[in-house]
Amino acid sequence: MNTLEPTERTRLRRKPGRGSFDVTVVNAILDEALVCHVGFTTGAAPIVIPTTHVRVEDRLYVHGSAASHMLGTLAKGIEVCVAVTLLDALVFARTAFHHSVNYRSVVLFGTARLVDEPAEKRRALAALIDKLAPDRSAACRAPDDKELAATKVIAVPIEEASAKIRTGPPLADEGDDAALPYWAGILPVRLARGTAQTAPDCTAPPPPDLG
């Protein structure tokens, strides 16, 4: 499947020209983002929790402590909304009204599923570690049975989702605004890795592919 089918929940109503249902586009944004926000409702109130995630084929995985309230709630098989955003630039205009940001985002809807099959659970956790650095799961001890039991993993199918992207300069000023003596343009914003800092009790050198 190369294109996701739009639904009432994923159809873009505001600036639909910025939207995309291309699976390649959606997956690329999910893969680059290091943090997602998981939204769900309980009997008391709606909740949104930031967490790490990883995509494996057509599923998105999140994990955490077996005692996590969020994961315990999701394990019941409820509907969730997952959102990720990549900020690419600040957009400056001559007028306050036309200031904006360039971004790439995905909003995903689906039914959460508890991953209780050990092999799938281990694959998902290894993929989460490998997202930090290539092949990192092979360069550390894998979870033992006790640690695996203390960890919950939740899967959400990537079937109902859309991407939204803004690129380029600010909207062109018109009339008297075009002559205003203020700078207009974009300021790129990037998430960059710094220099690795070895733990005080570690004697091994940092891997060369962390940067």
C-alpha atoms as a PDB file:
ATOM      1  CA  MET A   1       0.000   0.000   0.000  1.00  0.00           C
ATOM      2  CA  ASN A   2       1.656   3.239  -1.180  1.00  0.00           C
ATOM      3  CA  THR A   3      -1.099   5.638  -0.127  1.00  0.00           C
ATOM      4  CA  LEU A   4      -3.193   5.719   3.027  1.00  0.00           C
ATOM      5  CA  GLU A   5      -6.919   6.087   2.611  1.00  0.00           C
ATOM      6  CA  PRO A   6      -8.174   9.451   3.956  1.00  0.00           C
ATOM      7  CA  THR A   7     -10.793   9.285   6.696  1.00  0.00           C
ATOM      8  CA  GLU A   8     -12.918  11.869   8.453  1.00  0.00           C
ATOM      9  CA  ARG A   9     -10.276  12.017  11.165  1.00  0.00           C
ATOM     10  CA  THR A  10      -7.254  12.362   8.871  1.00  0.00           C
ATOM     11  CA  ARG A  11      -8.683  14.511   6.058  1.00  0.00           C
ATOM     12  CA  LEU A  12      -7.010  17.937   6.167  1.00  0.00           C
ATOM     13  CA  ARG A  13      -9.494  20.785   6.157  1.00  0.00           C
ATOM     14  CA  ARG A  14      -7.109  23.668   6.805  1.00  0.00           C
ATOM     15  CA  LYS A  15      -4.646  24.128   3.899  1.00  0.00           C
ATOM     16  CA  PRO A  16      -5.152  20.631   2.480  1.00  0.00           C
ATOM     17  CA  GLY A  17      -2.474  21.307  -0.136  1.00  0.00           C
ATOM     18  CA  ARG A  18       0.114  20.840   2.591  1.00  0.00           C
ATOM     19  CA  GLY A  19      -1.171  17.375   3.393  1.00  0.00           C
ATOM     20  CA  SER A  20       0.064  13.993   2.254  1.00  0.00           C
ATOM     21  CA  PHE A  21      -1.221  10.446   2.573  1.00  0.00           C
ATOM     22  CA  ASP A  22       1.891   8.999   0.927  1.00  0.00           C
ATOM     23  CA  VAL A  23       3.132   6.116   3.077  1.00  0.00           C
ATOM     24  CA  THR A  24       6.762   6.956   2.271  1.00  0.00           C
ATOM     25  CA  VAL A  25       6.299  10.531   3.496  1.00  0.00           C
ATOM     26  CA  VAL A  26       4.463   9.457   6.658  1.00  0.00           C
ATOM     27  CA  ASN A  27       7.048   6.794   7.487  1.00  0.00           C
ATOM     28  CA  ALA A  28      10.003   9.125   6.917  1.00  0.00           C
ATOM     29  CA  ILE A  29       8.630  11.650   9.408  1.00  0.00           C
ATOM     30  CA  LEU A  30       7.855   8.967  11.991  1.00  0.00           C
ATOM     31  CA  ASP A  31      11.349   7.539  11.582  1.00  0.00           C
ATOM     32  CA  GLU A  32      13.162  10.860  11.957  1.00  0.00           C
ATOM     33  CA  ALA A  33      11.187  12.055  14.976  1.00  0.00           C
ATOM     34  CA  LEU A  34      12.629  10.986  18.318  1.00  0.00           C
ATOM     35  CA  VAL A  35       9.572  11.869  20.419  1.00  0.00           C
ATOM     36  CA  CYS A  36       5.859  11.424  19.871  1.00  0.00           C
ATOM     37  CA  HIS A  37       2.828  12.558  21.870  1.00  0.00           C
ATOM     38  CA  VAL A  38       0.191   9.944  22.664  1.00  0.00           C
ATOM     39  CA  GLY A  39      -3.336  11.200  23.260  1.00  0.00           C
ATOM     40  CA  PHE A  40      -6.106   9.117  24.826  1.00  0.00           C
ATOM     41  CA  THR A  41      -9.093   9.529  27.085  1.00  0.00           C
ATOM     42  CA  THR A  42      -9.874   8.040  30.464  1.00  0.00           C
ATOM     43  CA  GLY A  43     -13.009   8.239  32.545  1.00  0.00           C
ATOM     44  CA  ALA A  44     -11.691  11.420  34.148  1.00  0.00           C
ATOM     45  CA  ALA A  45     -10.143  13.490  31.358  1.00  0.00           C
ATOM     46  CA  PRO A  46      -8.222  13.491  28.074  1.00  0.00           C
ATOM     47  CA  ILE A  47      -4.485  12.943  28.493  1.00  0.00           C
ATOM     48  CA  VAL A  48      -1.483  13.593  26.235  1.00  0.00           C
ATOM     49  CA  ILE A  49       1.870  12.021  27.151  1.00  0.00           C
ATOM     50  CA  PRO A  50       5.233  12.524  25.390  1.00  0.00           C
ATOM     51  CA  THR A  51       7.290   9.386  24.873  1.00  0.00           C
ATOM     52  CA  THR A  52       9.761   7.725  22.522  1.00  0.00           C
ATOM     53  CA  HIS A  53       8.605   5.546  19.660  1.00  0.00           C
ATOM     54  CA  VAL A  54       9.804   3.436  16.785  1.00  0.00           C
ATOM     55  CA  ARG A  55       8.258   2.298  13.531  1.00  0.00           C
ATOM     56  CA  VAL A  56       8.669  -1.297  12.414  1.00  0.00           C
ATOM     57  CA  GLU A  57       7.101  -1.867   8.995  1.00  0.00           C
ATOM     58  CA  ASP A  58       3.442  -0.805   9.320  1.00  0.00           C
ATOM     59  CA  ARG A  59       3.302  -0.566  13.107  1.00  0.00           C
ATOM     60  CA  LEU A  60       4.293   2.114  15.601  1.00  0.00           C
ATOM     61  CA  TYR A  61       5.585   0.939  18.969  1.00  0.00           C
ATOM     62  CA  VAL A  62       5.825   2.726  22.329  1.00  0.00           C
ATOM     63  CA  HIS A  63       7.123   1.210  25.537  1.00  0.00           C
ATOM     64  CA  GLY A  64       7.639   1.843  29.217  1.00  0.00           C
ATOM     65  CA  SER A  65       7.280   0.468  32.689  1.00  0.00           C
ATOM     66  CA  ALA A  66       4.697  -2.238  33.260  1.00  0.00           C
ATOM     67  CA  ALA A  67       3.389   0.036  36.028  1.00  0.00           C
ATOM     68  CA  SER A  68       2.809   2.958  33.632  1.00  0.00           C
ATOM     69  CA  HIS A  69      -0.706   4.364  33.843  1.00  0.00           C
ATOM     70  CA  MET A  70      -0.629   5.305  30.161  1.00  0.00           C
ATOM     71  CA  LEU A  71       0.499   1.891  28.972  1.00  0.00           C
ATOM     72  CA  GLY A  72      -1.897   0.119  31.297  1.00  0.00           C
ATOM     73  CA  THR A  73      -4.735   2.152  29.832  1.00  0.00           C
ATOM     74  CA  LEU A  74      -3.617   1.584  26.235  1.00  0.00           C
ATOM     75  CA  ALA A  75      -3.271  -2.144  26.901  1.00  0.00           C
ATOM     76  CA  LYS A  76      -7.055  -2.296  27.209  1.00  0.00           C
ATOM     77  CA  GLY A  77      -7.251  -1.794  23.445  1.00  0.00           C
ATOM     78  CA  ILE A  78      -8.556   1.768  23.381  1.00  0.00           C
ATOM     79  CA  GLU A  79      -8.474   4.311  20.575  1.00  0.00           C
ATOM     80  CA  VAL A  80      -5.416   6.560  20.569  1.00  0.00           C
ATOM     81  CA  CYS A  81      -4.083   9.534  18.651  1.00  0.00           C
ATOM     82  CA  VAL A  82      -0.314   9.796  18.140  1.00  0.00           C
ATOM     83  CA  ALA A  83       1.323  12.986  16.852  1.00  0.00           C
ATOM     84  CA  VAL A  84       4.906  13.829  15.900  1.00  0.00           C
ATOM     85  CA  THR A  85       6.341  17.143  14.727  1.00  0.00           C
ATOM     86  CA  LEU A  86       9.690  18.065  13.203  1.00  0.00           C
ATOM     87  CA  LEU A  87      10.467  21.794  13.367  1.00  0.00           C
ATOM     88  CA  ASP A  88      12.538  22.842  10.340  1.00  0.00           C
ATOM     89  CA  ALA A  89      12.586  26.652  10.419  1.00  0.00           C
ATOM     90  CA  LEU A  90      11.200  29.799  12.000  1.00  0.00           C
ATOM     91  CA  VAL A  91       9.433  31.951   9.420  1.00  0.00           C
ATOM     92  CA  PHE A  92       9.692  35.736   9.847  1.00  0.00           C
ATOM     93  CA  ALA A  93       7.418  38.139   7.997  1.00  0.00           C
ATOM     94  CA  ARG A  94       7.107  41.915   7.874  1.00  0.00           C
ATOM     95  CA  THR A  95       3.779  41.640   9.667  1.00  0.00           C
ATOM     96  CA  ALA A  96       3.148  39.791  12.928  1.00  0.00           C
ATOM     97  CA  PHE A  97       0.157  38.042  11.370  1.00  0.00           C
ATOM     98  CA  HIS A  98       2.230  36.218   8.744  1.00  0.00           C
ATOM     99  CA  HIS A  99       4.933  34.824  11.040  1.00  0.00           C
ATOM    100  CA  SER A 100       4.933  31.027  10.965  1.00  0.00           C
ATOM    101  CA  VAL A 101       7.113  27.918  11.154  1.00  0.00           C
ATOM    102  CA  ASN A 102       8.214  25.335   8.610  1.00  0.00           C
ATOM    103  CA  TYR A 103       7.501  21.846   9.864  1.00  0.00           C
ATOM    104  CA  ARG A 104       6.765  18.232   9.024  1.00  0.00           C
ATOM    105  CA  SER A 105       4.152  16.446  11.094  1.00  0.00           C
ATOM    106  CA  VAL A 106       2.122  13.251  11.268  1.00  0.00           C
ATOM    107  CA  VAL A 107      -1.131  12.553  13.080  1.00  0.00           C
ATOM    108  CA  LEU A 108      -1.993   8.884  13.504  1.00  0.00           C
ATOM    109  CA  PHE A 109      -5.215   7.309  14.792  1.00  0.00           C
ATOM    110  CA  GLY A 110      -5.634   3.668  15.734  1.00  0.00           C
ATOM    111  CA  THR A 111      -6.524   1.037  18.282  1.00  0.00           C
ATOM    112  CA  ALA A 112      -3.731   0.282  20.722  1.00  0.00           C
ATOM    113  CA  ARG A 113      -2.659  -3.338  21.142  1.00  0.00           C
ATOM    114  CA  LEU A 114      -0.638  -4.860  23.965  1.00  0.00           C
ATOM    115  CA  VAL A 115       2.341  -6.766  22.572  1.00  0.00           C
ATOM    116  CA  ASP A 116       2.453  -9.960  24.602  1.00  0.00           C
ATOM    117  CA  GLU A 117       4.219 -12.260  22.138  1.00  0.00           C
ATOM    118  CA  PRO A 118       7.847 -12.421  23.386  1.00  0.00           C
ATOM    119  CA  ALA A 119       9.519 -12.461  19.966  1.00  0.00           C
ATOM    120  CA  GLU A 120       7.617  -9.398  18.714  1.00  0.00           C
ATOM    121  CA  LYS A 121       8.235  -7.646  22.018  1.00  0.00           C
ATOM    122  CA  ARG A 122      11.976  -8.245  21.796  1.00  0.00           C
ATOM    123  CA  ARG A 123      12.077  -7.085  18.151  1.00  0.00           C
ATOM    124  CA  ALA A 124      10.271  -3.873  19.039  1.00  0.00           C
ATOM    125  CA  LEU A 125      12.564  -3.126  21.968  1.00  0.00           C
ATOM    126  CA  ALA A 126      15.655  -3.840  19.872  1.00  0.00           C
ATOM    127  CA  ALA A 127      14.342  -1.492  17.182  1.00  0.00           C
ATOM    128  CA  LEU A 128      13.847   1.231  19.798  1.00  0.00           C
ATOM    129  CA  ILE A 129      17.477   0.871  20.901  1.00  0.00           C
ATOM    130  CA  ASP A 130      18.732   0.808  17.307  1.00  0.00           C
ATOM    131  CA  LYS A 131      16.926   4.080  16.666  1.00  0.00           C
ATOM    132  CA  LEU A 132      19.318   5.718  19.143  1.00  0.00           C
ATOM    133  CA  ALA A 133      22.335   4.536  17.141  1.00  0.00           C
ATOM    134  CA  PRO A 134      22.806   1.955  14.379  1.00  0.00           C
ATOM    135  CA  ASP A 135      23.071  -1.626  15.717  1.00  0.00           C
ATOM    136  CA  ARG A 136      23.105  -0.395  19.319  1.00  0.00           C
ATOM    137  CA  SER A 137      20.994  -3.380  20.413  1.00  0.00           C
ATOM    138  CA  ALA A 138      23.928  -5.636  19.533  1.00  0.00           C
ATOM    139  CA  ALA A 139      26.322  -3.462  21.543  1.00  0.00           C
ATOM    140  CA  CYS A 140      24.522  -3.795  24.873  1.00  0.00           C
ATOM    141  CA  ARG A 141      22.984  -6.588  26.922  1.00  0.00           C
ATOM    142  CA  ALA A 142      19.493  -7.530  25.785  1.00  0.00           C
ATOM    143  CA  PRO A 143      16.657  -7.492  28.346  1.00  0.00           C
ATOM    144  CA  ASP A 144      16.479 -10.620  30.482  1.00  0.00           C
ATOM    145  CA  ASP A 145      13.153 -12.293  31.264  1.00  0.00           C
ATOM    146  CA  LYS A 146      12.649 -10.246  34.428  1.00  0.00           C
ATOM    147  CA  GLU A 147      13.285  -6.966  32.619  1.00  0.00           C
ATOM    148  CA  LEU A 148      11.046  -8.029  29.764  1.00  0.00           C
ATOM    149  CA  ALA A 149       8.229  -8.739  32.212  1.00  0.00           C
ATOM    150  CA  ALA A 150       8.739  -5.305  33.787  1.00  0.00           C
ATOM    151  CA  THR A 151       8.267  -3.610  30.415  1.00  0.00           C
ATOM    152  CA  LYS A 152       5.056  -3.005  28.487  1.00  0.00           C
ATOM    153  CA  VAL A 153       5.097  -2.564  24.713  1.00  0.00           C
ATOM    154  CA  ILE A 154       2.131  -1.162  22.817  1.00  0.00           C
ATOM    155  CA  ALA A 155       1.618  -1.323  19.045  1.00  0.00           C
ATOM    156  CA  VAL A 156      -0.538   0.972  16.917  1.00  0.00           C
ATOM    157  CA  PRO A 157      -1.153   0.109  13.246  1.00  0.00           C
ATOM    158  CA  ILE A 158      -0.164   2.775  10.727  1.00  0.00           C
ATOM    159  CA  GLU A 159      -3.370   2.614   8.727  1.00  0.00           C
ATOM    160  CA  GLU A 160      -5.204   5.859   9.522  1.00  0.00           C
ATOM    161  CA  ALA A 161      -2.742   8.729   9.323  1.00  0.00           C
ATOM    162  CA  SER A 162      -1.817  11.861   7.416  1.00  0.00           C
ATOM    163  CA  ALA A 163       1.216  14.086   7.122  1.00  0.00           C
ATOM    164  CA  LYS A 164       1.229  17.872   6.933  1.00  0.00           C
ATOM    165  CA  ILE A 165       4.216  19.892   5.767  1.00  0.00           C
ATOM    166  CA  ARG A 166       5.011  23.596   5.433  1.00  0.00           C
ATOM    167  CA  THR A 167       8.085  24.740   3.520  1.00  0.00           C
ATOM    168  CA  GLY A 168       9.386  27.937   1.994  1.00  0.00           C
ATOM    169  CA  PRO A 169       9.419  31.657   2.801  1.00  0.00           C
ATOM    170  CA  PRO A 170       6.695  33.708   4.478  1.00  0.00           C
ATOM    171  CA  LEU A 171       3.612  34.619   2.508  1.00  0.00           C
ATOM    172  CA  ALA A 172       4.320  37.473   0.123  1.00  0.00           C
ATOM    173  CA  ASP A 173       3.449  40.845   1.579  1.00  0.00           C
ATOM    174  CA  GLU A 174       1.068  43.000  -0.405  1.00  0.00           C
ATOM    175  CA  GLY A 175       0.249  46.679  -0.622  1.00  0.00           C
ATOM    176  CA  ASP A 176       1.885  48.944   1.953  1.00  0.00           C
ATOM    177  CA  ASP A 177       3.210  45.925   3.900  1.00  0.00           C
ATOM    178  CA  ALA A 178       5.649  45.085   1.098  1.00  0.00           C
ATOM    179  CA  ALA A 179       7.477  48.375   1.698  1.00  0.00           C
ATOM    180  CA  LEU A 180       7.847  48.002   5.470  1.00  0.00           C
ATOM    181  CA  PRO A 181      11.529  48.225   6.592  1.00  0.00           C
ATOM    182  CA  TYR A 182      11.536  44.885   8.432  1.00  0.00           C
ATOM    183  CA  TRP A 183      13.481  41.746   7.621  1.00  0.00           C
ATOM    184  CA  ALA A 184      11.517  38.781   6.252  1.00  0.00           C
ATOM    185  CA  GLY A 185      12.837  35.278   5.678  1.00  0.00           C
ATOM    186  CA  ILE A 186      13.425  31.937   7.337  1.00  0.00           C
ATOM    187  CA  LEU A 187      15.781  30.835  10.097  1.00  0.00           C
ATOM    188  CA  PRO A 188      16.548  27.096   9.850  1.00  0.00           C
ATOM    189  CA  VAL A 189      16.253  25.109  13.080  1.00  0.00           C
ATOM    190  CA  ARG A 190      17.978  21.751  13.459  1.00  0.00           C
ATOM    191  CA  LEU A 191      18.267  19.114  16.165  1.00  0.00           C
ATOM    192  CA  ALA A 192      21.955  18.199  16.381  1.00  0.00           C
ATOM    193  CA  ARG A 193      23.869  15.628  18.399  1.00  0.00           C
ATOM    194  CA  GLY A 194      26.653  16.941  20.592  1.00  0.00           C
ATOM    195  CA  THR A 195      29.848  15.297  21.789  1.00  0.00           C
ATOM    196  CA  ALA A 196      29.353  11.981  23.581  1.00  0.00           C
ATOM    197  CA  GLN A 197      30.025  12.163  27.344  1.00  0.00           C
ATOM    198  CA  THR A 198      31.187   8.871  28.821  1.00  0.00           C
ATOM    199  CA  ALA A 199      29.633   7.771  32.120  1.00  0.00           C
ATOM    200  CA  PRO A 200      32.003   8.142  35.116  1.00  0.00           C
ATOM    201  CA  ASP A 201      32.196   4.376  35.729  1.00  0.00           C
ATOM    202  CA  CYS A 202      32.632   3.395  32.038  1.00  0.00           C
ATOM    203  CA  THR A 203      36.017   2.544  30.535  1.00  0.00           C
ATOM    204  CA  ALA A 204      34.842   1.659  27.020  1.00  0.00           C
ATOM    205  CA  PRO A 205      35.251   4.340  24.313  1.00  0.00           C
ATOM    206  CA  PRO A 206      32.083   5.817  22.771  1.00  0.00           C
ATOM    207  CA  PRO A 207      31.000   4.281  19.453  1.00  0.00           C
ATOM    208  CA  PRO A 208      32.076   6.357  16.453  1.00  0.00           C
ATOM    209  CA  ASP A 209      28.558   6.444  14.958  1.00  0.00           C
ATOM    210  CA  LEU A 210      26.833   8.369  17.763  1.00  0.00           C
ATOM    211  CA  GLY A 211      27.280  11.732  16.070  1.00  0.00           C
END
